[in-house]
Amino acid sequence: MKSFSADVQLRVLALVKTILDQNAIAVEVRPESHLVDVGLTSMDMVNLMLGVEAEFDFTIPQSEITPENFQSVESLQLMIVNQLQPEHA
């Protein structure tokens, strides 16, 4: 389901940009950009995790809270789609 995945990507990008704006960091974020490279700190990652849970109305399983899943918008997008629509992954 391509449109759902694309929607997830846009929503995650918006969350990341909001956090960067709060930190007064002006940088272009691409889906493949490493989040630590664009300026997100460990506290920002916690806020991003909470933001993802609120935005998509689900609790991220403990097993999915890994550095790999929070490496980029793309990795987050894949994890979210796998959690919310496992039959389409």
N, C-alpha and C. Protein backbone atom coordinates (compact mmCIF):
# COMPACT_ATOMS: atom_id res chain seq x y z
N MET A 1 0.85 -1.19 0.00
CA MET A 1 0.00 0.00 0.00
C MET A 1 0.89 1.24 0.00
N LYS A 2 1.24 1.67 -1.17
CA LYS A 2 2.20 2.75 -1.35
C LYS A 2 1.74 4.07 -0.74
N SER A 3 0.47 4.41 -0.88
CA SER A 3 0.01 5.71 -0.39
C SER A 3 0.10 5.80 1.12
N PHE A 4 -0.17 4.71 1.83
CA PHE A 4 -0.04 4.73 3.29
C PHE A 4 1.42 4.97 3.68
N SER A 5 2.32 4.27 3.02
CA SER A 5 3.74 4.42 3.31
C SER A 5 4.23 5.85 3.03
N ALA A 6 3.77 6.42 1.93
CA ALA A 6 4.15 7.79 1.58
C ALA A 6 3.58 8.78 2.62
N ASP A 7 2.37 8.53 3.08
CA ASP A 7 1.76 9.37 4.12
C ASP A 7 2.55 9.29 5.41
N VAL A 8 2.97 8.08 5.77
CA VAL A 8 3.78 7.88 6.98
C VAL A 8 5.07 8.70 6.86
N GLN A 9 5.72 8.63 5.70
CA GLN A 9 6.97 9.36 5.50
C GLN A 9 6.77 10.87 5.68
N LEU A 10 5.71 11.42 5.10
CA LEU A 10 5.45 12.85 5.23
C LEU A 10 5.19 13.24 6.68
N ARG A 11 4.46 12.43 7.40
CA ARG A 11 4.13 12.72 8.79
C ARG A 11 5.38 12.63 9.68
N VAL A 12 6.25 11.66 9.42
CA VAL A 12 7.49 11.54 10.20
C VAL A 12 8.42 12.71 9.87
N LEU A 13 8.51 13.08 8.60
CA LEU A 13 9.33 14.24 8.23
C LEU A 13 8.83 15.49 8.96
N ALA A 14 7.52 15.66 9.05
CA ALA A 14 6.95 16.82 9.74
C ALA A 14 7.32 16.81 11.22
N LEU A 15 7.29 15.64 11.85
CA LEU A 15 7.68 15.53 13.26
C LEU A 15 9.14 15.92 13.46
N VAL A 16 10.01 15.41 12.59
CA VAL A 16 11.44 15.73 12.69
C VAL A 16 11.66 17.23 12.50
N LYS A 17 11.00 17.81 11.50
CA LYS A 17 11.16 19.24 11.24
C LYS A 17 10.67 20.08 12.41
N THR A 18 9.60 19.65 13.06
CA THR A 18 9.09 20.37 14.24
C THR A 18 10.13 20.38 15.35
N ILE A 19 10.75 19.24 15.61
CA ILE A 19 11.78 19.15 16.65
C ILE A 19 12.97 20.04 16.30
N LEU A 20 13.39 19.99 15.04
CA LEU A 20 14.51 20.83 14.61
C LEU A 20 14.17 22.32 14.76
N ASP A 21 12.94 22.69 14.40
CA ASP A 21 12.50 24.09 14.54
C ASP A 21 12.54 24.52 16.01
N GLN A 22 12.10 23.63 16.90
CA GLN A 22 12.12 23.95 18.33
C GLN A 22 13.55 24.19 18.82
N ASN A 23 14.50 23.54 18.20
CA ASN A 23 15.91 23.69 18.56
C ASN A 23 16.60 24.79 17.75
N ALA A 24 15.84 25.49 16.93
CA ALA A 24 16.37 26.55 16.06
C ALA A 24 17.45 26.01 15.12
N ILE A 25 17.23 24.80 14.61
CA ILE A 25 18.17 24.20 13.65
C ILE A 25 17.51 24.25 12.28
N ALA A 26 18.13 24.99 11.38
CA ALA A 26 17.61 25.10 10.02
C ALA A 26 18.47 24.24 9.10
N VAL A 27 17.93 23.08 8.76
CA VAL A 27 18.66 22.16 7.89
C VAL A 27 17.65 21.39 7.06
N GLU A 28 18.04 21.05 5.84
CA GLU A 28 17.16 20.26 4.99
C GLU A 28 17.22 18.79 5.45
N VAL A 29 16.05 18.20 5.63
CA VAL A 29 15.97 16.81 6.05
C VAL A 29 15.40 15.99 4.90
N ARG A 30 16.15 15.00 4.49
CA ARG A 30 15.69 14.06 3.46
C ARG A 30 15.31 12.76 4.15
N PRO A 31 14.48 11.94 3.50
CA PRO A 31 14.10 10.67 4.11
C PRO A 31 15.30 9.79 4.48
N GLU A 32 16.38 9.89 3.70
CA GLU A 32 17.55 9.05 3.97
C GLU A 32 18.57 9.71 4.90
N SER A 33 18.34 10.97 5.28
CA SER A 33 19.27 11.68 6.17
C SER A 33 19.36 10.99 7.53
N HIS A 34 20.60 10.85 8.03
CA HIS A 34 20.78 10.31 9.38
C HIS A 34 20.34 11.39 10.37
N LEU A 35 19.46 11.02 11.27
CA LEU A 35 18.86 12.01 12.17
C LEU A 35 19.89 12.66 13.10
N VAL A 36 20.88 11.90 13.55
CA VAL A 36 21.91 12.53 14.39
C VAL A 36 22.75 13.50 13.58
N ASP A 37 22.93 13.24 12.29
CA ASP A 37 23.71 14.13 11.44
C ASP A 37 23.00 15.46 11.19
N VAL A 38 21.66 15.47 11.23
CA VAL A 38 20.95 16.73 11.01
C VAL A 38 20.77 17.51 12.31
N GLY A 39 21.17 16.91 13.44
CA GLY A 39 21.19 17.67 14.69
C GLY A 39 20.31 17.16 15.82
N LEU A 40 19.67 16.00 15.64
CA LEU A 40 18.84 15.48 16.73
C LEU A 40 19.72 14.88 17.82
N THR A 41 19.43 15.24 19.07
CA THR A 41 20.14 14.70 20.22
C THR A 41 19.38 13.48 20.75
N SER A 42 19.93 12.84 21.77
CA SER A 42 19.25 11.69 22.35
C SER A 42 17.91 12.10 22.96
N MET A 43 17.84 13.29 23.56
CA MET A 43 16.55 13.77 24.08
C MET A 43 15.57 14.02 22.95
N ASP A 44 16.07 14.54 21.83
CA ASP A 44 15.21 14.75 20.66
C ASP A 44 14.66 13.42 20.15
N MET A 45 15.49 12.37 20.22
CA MET A 45 15.04 11.04 19.78
C MET A 45 13.91 10.53 20.66
N VAL A 46 14.01 10.80 21.96
CA VAL A 46 12.93 10.42 22.88
C VAL A 46 11.66 11.19 22.50
N ASN A 47 11.81 12.48 22.26
CA ASN A 47 10.65 13.29 21.84
C ASN A 47 10.08 12.80 20.52
N LEU A 48 10.95 12.41 19.61
CA LEU A 48 10.50 11.88 18.32
C LEU A 48 9.73 10.58 18.53
N MET A 49 10.23 9.71 19.38
CA MET A 49 9.54 8.45 19.67
C MET A 49 8.14 8.73 20.22
N LEU A 50 8.06 9.65 21.18
CA LEU A 50 6.76 10.01 21.76
C LEU A 50 5.86 10.66 20.72
N GLY A 51 6.45 11.48 19.87
CA GLY A 51 5.68 12.12 18.79
C GLY A 51 5.13 11.11 17.81
N VAL A 52 5.93 10.11 17.47
CA VAL A 52 5.48 9.04 16.55
C VAL A 52 4.33 8.27 17.18
N GLU A 53 4.47 7.94 18.46
CA GLU A 53 3.40 7.21 19.14
C GLU A 53 2.10 8.01 19.16
N ALA A 54 2.20 9.31 19.41
CA ALA A 54 1.01 10.16 19.43
C ALA A 54 0.43 10.34 18.03
N GLU A 55 1.29 10.59 17.06
CA GLU A 55 0.86 10.85 15.68
C GLU A 55 0.14 9.64 15.08
N PHE A 56 0.66 8.45 15.36
CA PHE A 56 0.10 7.24 14.73
C PHE A 56 -0.75 6.42 15.69
N ASP A 57 -0.94 6.91 16.91
CA ASP A 57 -1.82 6.30 17.90
C ASP A 57 -1.51 4.81 18.13
N PHE A 58 -0.25 4.54 18.42
CA PHE A 58 0.15 3.18 18.80
C PHE A 58 1.38 3.27 19.68
N THR A 59 1.62 2.22 20.44
CA THR A 59 2.81 2.16 21.29
C THR A 59 3.88 1.36 20.56
N ILE A 60 5.04 1.96 20.43
CA ILE A 60 6.15 1.27 19.77
C ILE A 60 6.60 0.14 20.70
N PRO A 61 6.61 -1.09 20.21
CA PRO A 61 7.07 -2.20 21.06
C PRO A 61 8.53 -1.98 21.48
N GLN A 62 8.85 -2.38 22.69
CA GLN A 62 10.22 -2.22 23.21
C GLN A 62 11.26 -2.78 22.24
N SER A 63 10.93 -3.91 21.62
CA SER A 63 11.88 -4.56 20.70
C SER A 63 12.17 -3.72 19.45
N GLU A 64 11.30 -2.75 19.17
CA GLU A 64 11.49 -1.90 17.98
C GLU A 64 12.19 -0.57 18.29
N ILE A 65 12.44 -0.31 19.57
CA ILE A 65 13.12 0.93 19.95
C ILE A 65 14.63 0.66 19.89
N THR A 66 15.12 0.73 18.67
CA THR A 66 16.53 0.42 18.41
C THR A 66 17.18 1.58 17.65
N PRO A 67 18.49 1.71 17.76
CA PRO A 67 19.17 2.76 16.98
C PRO A 67 18.91 2.62 15.48
N GLU A 68 18.81 1.39 14.99
CA GLU A 68 18.58 1.17 13.56
C GLU A 68 17.24 1.74 13.11
N ASN A 69 16.20 1.57 13.92
CA ASN A 69 14.87 2.06 13.55
C ASN A 69 14.76 3.58 13.65
N PHE A 70 15.65 4.20 14.43
CA PHE A 70 15.62 5.65 14.60
C PHE A 70 16.79 6.32 13.90
N GLN A 71 17.34 5.65 12.90
CA GLN A 71 18.49 6.17 12.18
C GLN A 71 18.10 7.27 11.19
N SER A 72 16.95 7.10 10.54
CA SER A 72 16.53 8.04 9.51
C SER A 72 15.00 8.04 9.44
N VAL A 73 14.47 8.98 8.67
CA VAL A 73 13.02 9.00 8.44
C VAL A 73 12.61 7.70 7.74
N GLU A 74 13.42 7.24 6.79
CA GLU A 74 13.11 6.00 6.07
C GLU A 74 13.04 4.80 7.00
N SER A 75 13.99 4.68 7.93
CA SER A 75 13.98 3.52 8.83
C SER A 75 12.78 3.59 9.78
N LEU A 76 12.43 4.79 10.23
CA LEU A 76 11.25 4.96 11.07
C LEU A 76 9.98 4.62 10.29
N GLN A 77 9.93 5.10 9.06
CA GLN A 77 8.78 4.84 8.19
C GLN A 77 8.57 3.33 8.02
N LEU A 78 9.63 2.61 7.75
CA LEU A 78 9.54 1.16 7.57
C LEU A 78 9.04 0.47 8.83
N MET A 79 9.57 0.87 9.97
CA MET A 79 9.15 0.27 11.24
C MET A 79 7.67 0.54 11.50
N ILE A 80 7.23 1.79 11.26
CA ILE A 80 5.83 2.16 11.50
C ILE A 80 4.90 1.37 10.59
N VAL A 81 5.23 1.31 9.31
CA VAL A 81 4.39 0.57 8.35
C VAL A 81 4.34 -0.91 8.75
N ASN A 82 5.48 -1.47 9.14
CA ASN A 82 5.50 -2.88 9.56
C ASN A 82 4.64 -3.12 10.80
N GLN A 83 4.59 -2.14 11.70
CA GLN A 83 3.79 -2.29 12.92
C GLN A 83 2.30 -2.10 12.64
N LEU A 84 1.96 -1.14 11.81
CA LEU A 84 0.56 -0.82 11.59
C LEU A 84 -0.10 -1.62 10.47
N GLN A 85 0.70 -2.07 9.51
CA GLN A 85 0.16 -2.87 8.41
C GLN A 85 1.11 -4.01 8.08
N PRO A 86 1.28 -4.95 8.99
CA PRO A 86 2.26 -6.02 8.76
C PRO A 86 1.98 -6.85 7.52
N GLU A 87 0.71 -6.94 7.11
CA GLU A 87 0.39 -7.73 5.92
C GLU A 87 0.86 -7.07 4.63
N HIS A 88 1.19 -5.78 4.69
CA HIS A 88 1.65 -5.06 3.50
C HIS A 88 3.16 -4.85 3.48
N ALA A 89 3.82 -5.30 4.52
CA ALA A 89 5.26 -5.05 4.63
C ALA A 89 6.05 -5.95 3.69
